[in-house]
């Protein structure tokens, strides 16, 4: 194991991470870590007969007070402590509490003889909420809140509520890098593949850049906004040396070829946090922003003013993505109003609404090679929709709120980031079982495990 002491570029305000924590950077070659061998057996008779559920001696999780039509929800209501971000669940309850918020109440740790504990404290959890699935989590770094997948290497990056960033090898299913970048929540992570960099935004309005080779090396860390404790988003330009940042309604454009100088400050047209920034893959001179002020805005890099605003959501807009249909470009946005909306960018209007049964839509994703749109919600469900007629094709359970979706390198597999870890979902262009809200494909999700 190699320990590296990162040092930030001189002349910039740097992150407030204590020095002894900044040294806690570990890069371990995948081949040096023991493989995880435990697998859930889909044909296990005990699982089929429900014998792996909680025993009679264990406390029974309380059911949350669900709204009408939402009886399937298994989240446990909890009041966040003072100062906790309102859009994140509260920390786990104290001993004796019925269940952990955001986690399936039928989830329990396997008996000691049934799993192995490896050096980075990765544990295997078994869940009765979804067959043929394992979770891999790292108890030392906390909930997963964001994710990105490398498009030319088998790597996944995750950002955590504890301020950690981890890099996983999706082939070997092992953590190969882990670093605490902030004392605050990591709200967005991205690969900059052509530079072999990772970039992370934290809720203290810092952007952190690291180079990943045989070891992690700090490139820079700098503050992008004067505020603190606000949601911070970012995106990376596909060809130019640009990174967009968005904090508390303010969007800025940074050029790493100019020593990470801000080369454009856009007008503060959003009146609340910016949840998502996304460059347009068909017109990379433009991008879109999603905000807690209930709007989506489309911008050009050439102007500090937005080109137009899309109105239609009735609550915070958390996410967006671009996609093409019949040769025309569309945009999908997901909101706390329990819908995802489809926008015709030529008409600049909403043409369809995807209803989500009283569940917040946390993440949306347009598959790059299949005619499907994927949405993830706080109900722990991943829904796959046709991008041609917007029918629901299938619904898959991961058992915890979904906060990231990404296509894995060279395949139709999709990585799903949720509070408990990362799972992998096989997406084929086949119909779900009946195409209805209750349909599922039990063998279509597999956790990142060997």
Protein backbone atom coordinates (compact mmCIF):
# COMPACT_ATOMS: atom_id res chain seq x y z
CA UNK A 1 0.00 0.00 0.00
CA UNK A 2 1.36 3.39 -0.97
CA UNK A 3 0.54 6.52 1.02
CA UNK A 4 0.61 9.86 -0.79
CA UNK A 5 0.53 13.35 0.67
CA UNK A 6 -1.36 15.59 -1.76
CA UNK A 7 -0.29 19.20 -2.08
CA UNK A 8 -2.56 21.79 -3.68
CA UNK A 9 -1.38 24.33 -6.21
CA UNK A 10 0.07 27.49 -4.72
CA UNK A 11 -1.77 30.76 -5.03
CA UNK A 12 -5.28 29.33 -4.58
CA UNK A 13 -7.53 29.01 -1.57
CA UNK A 14 -7.32 25.34 -0.74
CA UNK A 15 -9.59 22.84 0.91
CA UNK A 16 -9.98 22.91 4.69
CA UNK A 17 -9.32 19.18 5.13
CA UNK A 18 -6.89 18.70 8.06
CA UNK A 19 -3.42 17.65 7.05
CA UNK A 20 -3.60 14.31 8.83
CA UNK A 21 -6.76 13.50 6.90
CA UNK A 22 -5.34 14.79 3.64
CA UNK A 23 -2.62 12.19 4.00
CA UNK A 24 -5.26 9.48 4.17
CA UNK A 25 -4.96 8.69 0.47
CA UNK A 26 -4.66 5.05 -0.39
CA UNK A 27 -4.12 3.53 -3.79
CA UNK A 28 -3.98 -0.25 -3.88
CA UNK A 29 -3.44 -2.32 -6.99
CA UNK A 30 -6.50 -4.43 -7.71
CA UNK A 31 -4.49 -7.61 -7.90
CA UNK A 32 -3.19 -7.14 -4.35
CA UNK A 33 -6.66 -7.23 -2.78
CA UNK A 34 -8.39 -10.56 -2.09
CA UNK A 35 -11.38 -11.26 -4.30
CA UNK A 36 -14.90 -11.26 -2.91
CA UNK A 37 -16.15 -14.80 -3.34
CA UNK A 38 -19.58 -14.72 -1.74
CA UNK A 39 -22.48 -14.87 -4.18
CA UNK A 40 -26.18 -15.03 -3.66
CA UNK A 41 -27.58 -18.16 -5.25
CA UNK A 42 -30.78 -17.36 -7.19
CA UNK A 43 -32.07 -20.90 -6.59
CA UNK A 44 -31.51 -20.88 -2.84
CA UNK A 45 -34.58 -22.59 -1.39
CA UNK A 46 -34.26 -20.82 1.94
CA UNK A 47 -34.53 -17.49 0.18
CA UNK A 48 -37.53 -18.65 -1.83
CA UNK A 49 -39.31 -19.78 1.33
CA UNK A 50 -38.56 -16.54 3.17
CA UNK A 51 -36.43 -18.25 5.80
CA UNK A 52 -33.74 -15.59 5.48
CA UNK A 53 -36.02 -12.82 6.68
CA UNK A 54 -35.65 -11.28 10.12
CA UNK A 55 -36.08 -13.80 12.91
CA UNK A 56 -38.82 -13.60 15.52
CA UNK A 57 -36.31 -12.43 18.11
CA UNK A 58 -35.22 -9.45 16.01
CA UNK A 59 -37.20 -6.18 16.15
CA UNK A 60 -39.70 -5.79 13.34
CA UNK A 61 -39.18 -2.60 11.30
CA UNK A 62 -41.98 -0.10 11.61
CA UNK A 63 -43.84 0.71 8.43
CA UNK A 64 -43.84 4.34 7.37
CA UNK A 65 -47.09 6.20 7.01
CA UNK A 66 -47.48 5.91 3.25
CA UNK A 67 -49.65 8.07 1.06
CA UNK A 68 -52.56 6.51 -0.72
CA UNK A 69 -51.33 4.42 -3.63
CA UNK A 70 -47.83 4.21 -2.17
CA UNK A 71 -48.16 1.14 0.02
CA UNK A 72 -45.13 -0.47 -1.61
CA UNK A 73 -42.77 2.09 -0.09
CA UNK A 74 -40.46 0.63 2.53
CA UNK A 75 -38.71 3.80 3.64
CA UNK A 76 -38.76 4.64 7.33
CA UNK A 77 -39.83 8.14 8.23
CA UNK A 78 -37.21 10.08 10.17
CA UNK A 79 -36.77 13.69 11.23
CA UNK A 80 -33.37 15.03 10.10
CA UNK A 81 -31.35 16.61 12.90
CA UNK A 82 -30.80 20.34 12.95
CA UNK A 83 -28.30 21.38 10.27
CA UNK A 84 -28.76 18.21 8.21
CA UNK A 85 -29.37 18.77 4.50
CA UNK A 86 -33.17 18.54 3.93
CA UNK A 87 -32.80 16.49 0.75
CA UNK A 88 -30.76 13.74 2.42
CA UNK A 89 -32.09 11.18 4.88
CA UNK A 90 -31.13 11.50 8.52
CA UNK A 91 -28.12 9.59 9.88
CA UNK A 92 -28.80 6.02 11.06
CA UNK A 93 -30.89 5.86 14.26
CA UNK A 94 -29.41 4.84 17.56
CA UNK A 95 -29.41 1.28 18.85
CA UNK A 96 -32.88 -0.17 19.20
CA UNK A 97 -34.37 1.90 16.38
CA UNK A 98 -36.48 -0.11 13.96
CA UNK A 99 -34.52 0.40 10.75
CA UNK A 100 -32.06 2.58 8.91
CA UNK A 101 -33.68 5.31 6.78
CA UNK A 102 -33.14 4.75 3.06
CA UNK A 103 -32.33 1.07 3.47
CA UNK A 104 -34.62 -1.86 2.87
CA UNK A 105 -36.02 -3.04 6.25
CA UNK A 106 -35.60 -6.67 5.13
CA UNK A 107 -31.85 -6.19 4.74
CA UNK A 108 -29.64 -7.94 7.26
CA UNK A 109 -26.01 -8.92 7.56
CA UNK A 110 -25.23 -12.48 6.57
CA UNK A 111 -23.97 -14.85 9.29
CA UNK A 112 -20.24 -14.66 9.91
CA UNK A 113 -19.59 -17.99 8.25
CA UNK A 114 -21.42 -16.89 5.10
CA UNK A 115 -19.31 -13.90 4.17
CA UNK A 116 -15.74 -12.73 4.16
CA UNK A 117 -14.44 -9.48 5.52
CA UNK A 118 -11.67 -7.96 3.42
CA UNK A 119 -9.14 -5.33 4.41
CA UNK A 120 -11.13 -2.32 3.17
CA UNK A 121 -14.13 -3.39 5.29
CA UNK A 122 -16.41 -4.22 2.39
CA UNK A 123 -19.34 -6.27 3.62
CA UNK A 124 -21.91 -8.26 1.73
CA UNK A 125 -25.54 -7.57 2.50
CA UNK A 126 -28.39 -9.83 1.52
CA UNK A 127 -31.80 -8.29 0.81
CA UNK A 128 -35.18 -9.93 0.55
CA UNK A 129 -36.56 -6.91 -1.30
CA UNK A 130 -35.05 -7.92 -4.63
CA UNK A 131 -34.10 -11.41 -5.73
CA UNK A 132 -30.77 -12.30 -7.33
CA UNK A 133 -28.96 -9.24 -6.04
CA UNK A 134 -26.08 -8.40 -3.71
CA UNK A 135 -24.99 -5.04 -2.40
CA UNK A 136 -21.36 -4.16 -1.88
CA UNK A 137 -20.84 -1.33 0.56
CA UNK A 138 -17.92 0.24 2.37
CA UNK A 139 -18.99 1.06 5.92
CA UNK A 140 -16.04 3.40 6.38
CA UNK A 141 -17.07 6.01 3.80
CA UNK A 142 -20.84 6.36 4.20
CA UNK A 143 -23.69 6.68 1.74
CA UNK A 144 -23.11 6.99 -2.01
CA UNK A 145 -24.56 10.25 -3.35
CA UNK A 146 -23.10 10.49 -6.87
CA UNK A 147 -21.25 8.40 -9.45
CA UNK A 148 -19.61 8.43 -12.86
CA UNK A 149 -18.31 5.65 -15.12
CA UNK A 150 -15.19 5.78 -17.29
CA UNK A 151 -15.98 5.16 -20.95
CA UNK A 152 -12.68 3.59 -22.03
CA UNK A 153 -11.56 1.83 -18.83
CA UNK A 154 -13.46 -0.42 -16.40
CA UNK A 155 -13.57 2.22 -13.66
CA UNK A 156 -16.38 3.69 -11.58
CA UNK A 157 -16.02 6.70 -9.31
CA UNK A 158 -18.33 7.34 -6.35
CA UNK A 159 -18.81 10.37 -4.08
CA UNK A 160 -19.98 9.98 -0.49
CA UNK A 161 -21.76 11.95 2.20
CA UNK A 162 -18.67 11.62 4.42
CA UNK A 163 -16.51 13.62 1.99
CA UNK A 164 -14.80 10.57 0.49
CA UNK A 165 -14.29 9.74 -3.19
CA UNK A 166 -13.63 6.14 -4.24
CA UNK A 167 -12.56 4.54 -7.52
CA UNK A 168 -13.78 1.00 -8.20
CA UNK A 169 -12.61 -1.45 -10.85
CA UNK A 170 -15.87 -2.77 -12.33
CA UNK A 171 -14.16 -5.90 -13.71
CA UNK A 172 -12.50 -7.01 -10.47
CA UNK A 173 -15.17 -5.39 -8.26
CA UNK A 174 -12.61 -3.87 -5.90
CA UNK A 175 -11.84 -0.42 -4.56
CA UNK A 176 -8.54 0.74 -6.07
CA UNK A 177 -8.46 4.27 -4.65
CA UNK A 178 -10.00 6.13 -1.72
CA UNK A 179 -9.47 9.71 -0.59
CA UNK A 180 -11.23 12.12 1.74
CA UNK A 181 -11.49 15.32 -0.29
CA UNK A 182 -13.67 17.35 2.05
CA UNK A 183 -15.22 17.56 5.48
CA UNK A 184 -18.54 18.03 3.70
CA UNK A 185 -20.77 16.05 1.34
CA UNK A 186 -19.38 15.22 -2.11
CA UNK A 187 -22.25 16.22 -4.38
CA UNK A 188 -20.76 15.47 -7.83
CA UNK A 189 -17.89 13.43 -9.29
CA UNK A 190 -16.65 13.15 -12.87
CA UNK A 191 -13.83 11.55 -14.84
CA UNK A 192 -11.76 13.75 -17.16
CA UNK A 193 -10.56 10.74 -19.13
CA UNK A 194 -8.28 12.48 -21.62
CA UNK A 195 -6.23 13.95 -18.76
CA UNK A 196 -6.54 10.91 -16.48
CA UNK A 197 -8.07 13.17 -13.86
CA UNK A 198 -11.03 12.97 -11.53
CA UNK A 199 -12.91 16.08 -10.43
CA UNK A 200 -15.22 16.31 -7.43
CA UNK A 201 -17.46 19.08 -6.11
CA UNK A 202 -18.29 19.28 -2.41
CA UNK A 203 -21.03 21.12 -0.55
CA UNK A 204 -18.54 23.63 0.86
CA UNK A 205 -18.25 24.99 -2.72
CA UNK A 206 -14.80 23.55 -3.41
CA UNK A 207 -13.77 21.73 -6.59
CA UNK A 208 -11.05 19.10 -6.12
CA UNK A 209 -8.98 17.68 -8.99
CA UNK A 210 -6.74 14.58 -8.78
CA UNK A 211 -4.65 12.70 -11.28
CA UNK A 212 -5.00 8.93 -11.18
CA UNK A 213 -2.10 6.77 -12.37
CA UNK A 214 -0.31 4.26 -10.20
CA UNK A 215 -1.02 6.63 -7.34
CA UNK A 216 -3.28 9.62 -6.74
CA UNK A 217 -1.71 13.05 -7.17
CA UNK A 218 -3.39 16.32 -6.32
CA UNK A 219 -3.77 18.66 -9.28
CA UNK A 220 -5.61 21.50 -7.55
CA UNK A 221 -8.37 22.36 -5.13
CA UNK A 222 -10.14 25.72 -5.23
CA UNK A 223 -13.29 27.46 -4.08
CA UNK A 224 -15.83 28.22 -6.81
CA UNK A 225 -18.34 30.19 -4.74
CA UNK A 226 -18.19 32.34 -1.61
CA UNK A 227 -20.96 30.44 0.19
CA UNK A 228 -20.94 27.26 2.23
CA UNK A 229 -23.33 24.37 2.78
CA UNK A 230 -25.02 24.67 -0.62
CA UNK A 231 -25.39 22.03 -3.30
CA UNK A 232 -22.62 22.21 -5.89
CA UNK A 233 -22.80 20.62 -9.34
CA UNK A 234 -20.36 20.34 -12.24
CA UNK A 235 -19.89 18.91 -15.72
CA UNK A 236 -16.90 18.38 -18.02
CA UNK A 237 -16.84 19.56 -21.64
CA UNK A 238 -16.40 16.59 -24.01
CA UNK A 239 -13.63 18.20 -26.11
CA UNK A 240 -12.57 21.58 -24.70
CA UNK A 241 -10.53 22.10 -21.47
CA UNK A 242 -13.61 23.33 -19.63
CA UNK A 243 -15.39 22.48 -16.40
CA UNK A 244 -18.73 24.02 -15.47
CA UNK A 245 -19.58 24.61 -11.82
CA UNK A 246 -22.89 25.61 -10.33
CA UNK A 247 -23.43 26.71 -6.73
CA UNK A 248 -26.45 28.52 -5.30
CA UNK A 249 -27.74 29.80 -8.61
CA UNK A 250 -24.34 30.86 -9.93
CA UNK A 251 -22.73 29.10 -12.92
CA UNK A 252 -19.07 29.55 -13.84
CA UNK A 253 -16.84 28.17 -16.61
CA UNK A 254 -13.26 27.16 -15.73
CA UNK A 255 -10.38 26.54 -18.18
CA UNK A 256 -7.69 24.14 -16.95
CA UNK A 257 -5.35 25.15 -19.80
CA UNK A 258 -5.41 28.65 -18.27
CA UNK A 259 -4.41 27.45 -14.81
CA UNK A 260 -8.04 26.83 -13.87
CA UNK A 261 -9.03 30.45 -14.36
CA UNK A 262 -12.71 31.37 -14.55
CA UNK A 263 -13.29 32.48 -18.15
CA UNK A 264 -17.06 33.05 -17.97
CA UNK A 265 -19.47 33.93 -15.18
CA UNK A 266 -23.09 33.47 -16.13
CA UNK A 267 -25.82 35.69 -14.80
CA UNK A 268 -27.47 34.49 -11.63
CA UNK A 269 -30.83 33.67 -13.18
CA UNK A 270 -31.57 30.68 -10.97
CA UNK A 271 -32.94 31.69 -7.57
CA UNK A 272 -31.99 28.47 -5.76
CA UNK A 273 -29.45 25.62 -5.78
CA UNK A 274 -28.32 24.21 -9.13
CA UNK A 275 -28.70 20.44 -8.97
CA UNK A 276 -27.42 19.38 -12.40
CA UNK A 277 -25.35 20.80 -15.24
CA UNK A 278 -25.09 18.96 -18.54
CA UNK A 279 -23.30 19.83 -21.79
CA UNK A 280 -25.33 19.19 -24.94
CA UNK A 281 -23.66 16.29 -26.82
CA UNK A 282 -25.09 17.49 -30.16
CA UNK A 283 -24.12 21.14 -29.65
CA UNK A 284 -21.22 21.31 -27.21
CA UNK A 285 -21.37 25.10 -27.21
CA UNK A 286 -24.55 24.85 -25.17
CA UNK A 287 -25.58 23.27 -21.87
CA UNK A 288 -28.59 22.95 -19.58
CA UNK A 289 -29.09 23.49 -15.85
CA UNK A 290 -31.65 22.05 -13.42
CA UNK A 291 -32.49 23.96 -10.26
CA UNK A 292 -34.42 23.88 -7.02
CA UNK A 293 -36.30 26.93 -8.33
CA UNK A 294 -38.47 24.45 -10.34
CA UNK A 295 -36.95 25.36 -13.73
CA UNK A 296 -34.60 24.06 -16.41
CA UNK A 297 -32.55 26.60 -18.35
CA UNK A 298 -30.63 26.22 -21.61
CA UNK A 299 -27.48 28.31 -22.07
CA UNK A 300 -24.76 29.10 -24.62
CA UNK A 301 -21.09 29.37 -23.67
CA UNK A 302 -20.93 32.58 -25.71
CA UNK A 303 -23.39 34.54 -23.59
CA UNK A 304 -23.79 35.16 -19.85
CA UNK A 305 -27.58 35.07 -20.29
CA UNK A 306 -29.65 31.94 -20.77
CA UNK A 307 -31.23 31.21 -24.14
CA UNK A 308 -34.58 30.13 -22.71
CA UNK A 309 -36.26 28.61 -19.67
CA UNK A 310 -38.42 25.49 -19.46
CA UNK A 311 -41.31 25.83 -17.02
CA UNK A 312 -43.55 22.96 -15.97
CA UNK A 313 -42.29 21.25 -12.82
CA UNK A 314 -44.02 22.06 -9.54
CA UNK A 315 -41.08 21.29 -7.23
CA UNK A 316 -37.27 21.08 -7.19
CA UNK A 317 -35.70 19.81 -10.42
CA UNK A 318 -32.90 17.42 -9.51
CA UNK A 319 -31.57 16.02 -12.78
CA UNK A 320 -31.61 16.14 -16.58
CA UNK A 321 -30.15 14.53 -19.68
CA UNK A 322 -30.24 15.00 -23.46
CA UNK A 323 -31.42 12.38 -25.96
CA UNK A 324 -32.50 12.07 -29.61
CA UNK A 325 -35.81 10.78 -30.98
CA UNK A 326 -36.77 10.68 -34.66
CA UNK A 327 -33.73 12.78 -35.54
CA UNK A 328 -34.71 15.57 -33.15
CA UNK A 329 -33.21 16.45 -29.81
CA UNK A 330 -35.10 16.21 -26.55
CA UNK A 331 -34.34 16.67 -22.88
CA UNK A 332 -35.57 14.66 -19.90
CA UNK A 333 -35.74 16.20 -16.43
CA UNK A 334 -36.54 14.61 -13.06
CA UNK A 335 -38.14 16.39 -10.14
CA UNK A 336 -39.25 16.23 -6.54
CA UNK A 337 -42.79 16.61 -7.90
CA UNK A 338 -42.71 12.83 -8.60
CA UNK A 339 -42.43 13.18 -12.37
CA UNK A 340 -39.91 13.11 -15.18
CA UNK A 341 -40.77 15.43 -18.06
CA UNK A 342 -39.86 15.14 -21.74
CA UNK A 343 -39.06 18.45 -23.45
CA UNK A 344 -39.01 19.12 -27.19
CA UNK A 345 -36.06 21.50 -27.57
CA UNK A 346 -37.30 22.83 -30.91
CA UNK A 347 -40.73 23.70 -29.59
CA UNK A 348 -39.32 24.52 -26.14
CA UNK A 349 -42.22 22.80 -24.44
CA UNK A 350 -43.07 19.69 -22.46
CA UNK A 351 -44.48 16.94 -24.69
CA UNK A 352 -44.83 14.11 -22.18
CA UNK A 353 -44.79 13.45 -18.43
CA UNK A 354 -43.59 10.19 -16.87
CA UNK A 355 -45.50 9.65 -13.62
CA UNK A 356 -43.70 7.99 -10.71
CA UNK A 357 -46.40 7.05 -8.17
CA UNK A 358 -45.72 9.67 -5.50
CA UNK A 359 -41.96 9.11 -5.59
CA UNK A 360 -39.24 11.71 -6.03
CA UNK A 361 -37.21 11.28 -9.23
CA UNK A 362 -33.57 11.59 -8.15
CA UNK A 363 -31.76 10.73 -11.37
CA UNK A 364 -32.48 10.41 -15.10
CA UNK A 365 -30.30 8.85 -17.78
CA UNK A 366 -30.64 8.46 -21.55
CA UNK A 367 -28.88 5.28 -22.67
CA UNK A 368 -26.31 6.14 -25.38
CA UNK A 369 -26.89 3.06 -27.56
CA UNK A 370 -30.40 1.80 -26.74
CA UNK A 371 -33.77 3.54 -27.23
CA UNK A 372 -34.49 3.68 -23.51
CA UNK A 373 -34.66 6.30 -20.77
CA UNK A 374 -33.86 5.25 -17.20
CA UNK A 375 -35.08 6.95 -14.05
CA UNK A 376 -34.09 6.30 -10.44
CA UNK A 377 -36.18 7.29 -7.44
CA UNK A 378 -36.14 7.58 -3.70
CA UNK A 379 -38.39 4.53 -3.56
CA UNK A 380 -35.37 2.41 -4.51
CA UNK A 381 -36.78 1.61 -7.96
CA UNK A 382 -35.13 1.89 -11.35
CA UNK A 383 -37.64 2.34 -14.16
CA UNK A 384 -36.83 1.72 -17.81
CA UNK A 385 -38.92 3.64 -20.35
CA UNK A 386 -39.06 3.53 -24.14
CA UNK A 387 -37.59 6.70 -25.63
CA UNK A 388 -39.77 6.32 -28.71
CA UNK A 389 -43.28 6.10 -27.20
CA UNK A 390 -42.39 6.68 -23.51
CA UNK A 391 -44.02 3.46 -22.29
CA UNK A 392 -42.80 1.94 -19.04
CA UNK A 393 -40.96 -1.24 -20.05
CA UNK A 394 -39.82 -2.57 -16.70
CA UNK A 395 -39.31 -1.66 -13.07
CA UNK A 396 -36.40 -3.01 -11.03
CA UNK A 397 -35.78 -2.72 -7.30
CA UNK A 398 -32.44 -1.87 -5.72
CA UNK A 399 -33.81 -1.36 -2.21
CA UNK A 400 -32.34 2.09 -1.49
CA UNK A 401 -32.69 5.62 -2.96
CA UNK A 402 -30.99 5.92 -6.36
CA UNK A 403 -28.53 8.78 -6.81
CA UNK A 404 -26.61 7.88 -9.96
CA UNK A 405 -26.86 6.00 -13.26
CA UNK A 406 -24.10 5.43 -15.82
CA UNK A 407 -23.42 3.15 -18.77
CA UNK A 408 -20.46 0.82 -18.29
CA UNK A 409 -17.66 0.66 -20.81
CA UNK A 410 -18.37 -1.32 -23.98
CA UNK A 411 -21.63 -2.90 -22.85
CA UNK A 412 -25.34 -2.38 -22.35
CA UNK A 413 -24.90 -2.69 -18.58
CA UNK A 414 -25.85 0.25 -16.40
CA UNK A 415 -24.30 0.98 -13.03
CA UNK A 416 -26.78 2.12 -10.37
CA UNK A 417 -25.50 4.15 -7.43
CA UNK A 418 -27.66 3.99 -4.31
CA UNK A 419 -27.07 4.72 -0.64
CA UNK A 420 -25.94 1.16 0.06
CA UNK A 421 -23.37 0.95 -2.75
CA UNK A 422 -23.33 0.24 -6.49
CA UNK A 423 -25.27 -2.41 -8.42
CA UNK A 424 -25.11 -3.37 -12.09
CA UNK A 425 -28.20 -3.73 -14.25
CA UNK A 426 -28.33 -5.55 -17.58
CA UNK A 427 -30.35 -3.44 -20.03
CA UNK A 428 -31.51 -5.17 -23.18
CA UNK A 429 -33.87 -3.82 -25.79
CA UNK A 430 -36.45 -6.40 -24.80
CA UNK A 431 -39.88 -5.87 -23.36
CA UNK A 432 -40.41 -6.17 -19.63
CA UNK A 433 -42.91 -8.62 -18.27
CA UNK A 434 -46.08 -6.89 -19.28
CA UNK A 435 -44.59 -3.41 -19.33
CA UNK A 436 -46.54 -2.46 -16.21
CA UNK A 437 -45.55 -0.76 -12.96
CA UNK A 438 -45.32 -4.00 -11.07
CA UNK A 439 -43.25 -5.91 -13.61
CA UNK A 440 -39.65 -6.88 -12.98
CA UNK A 441 -36.81 -8.96 -14.30
CA UNK A 442 -35.22 -10.78 -11.39
CA UNK A 443 -32.02 -11.67 -13.20
CA UNK A 444 -31.37 -8.24 -14.65
CA UNK A 445 -29.56 -6.80 -11.63
CA UNK A 446 -26.27 -8.06 -10.31
CA UNK A 447 -24.11 -6.37 -7.73
CA UNK A 448 -20.51 -5.49 -8.41
CA UNK A 449 -19.06 -8.79 -7.25
CA UNK A 450 -16.96 -11.52 -8.78
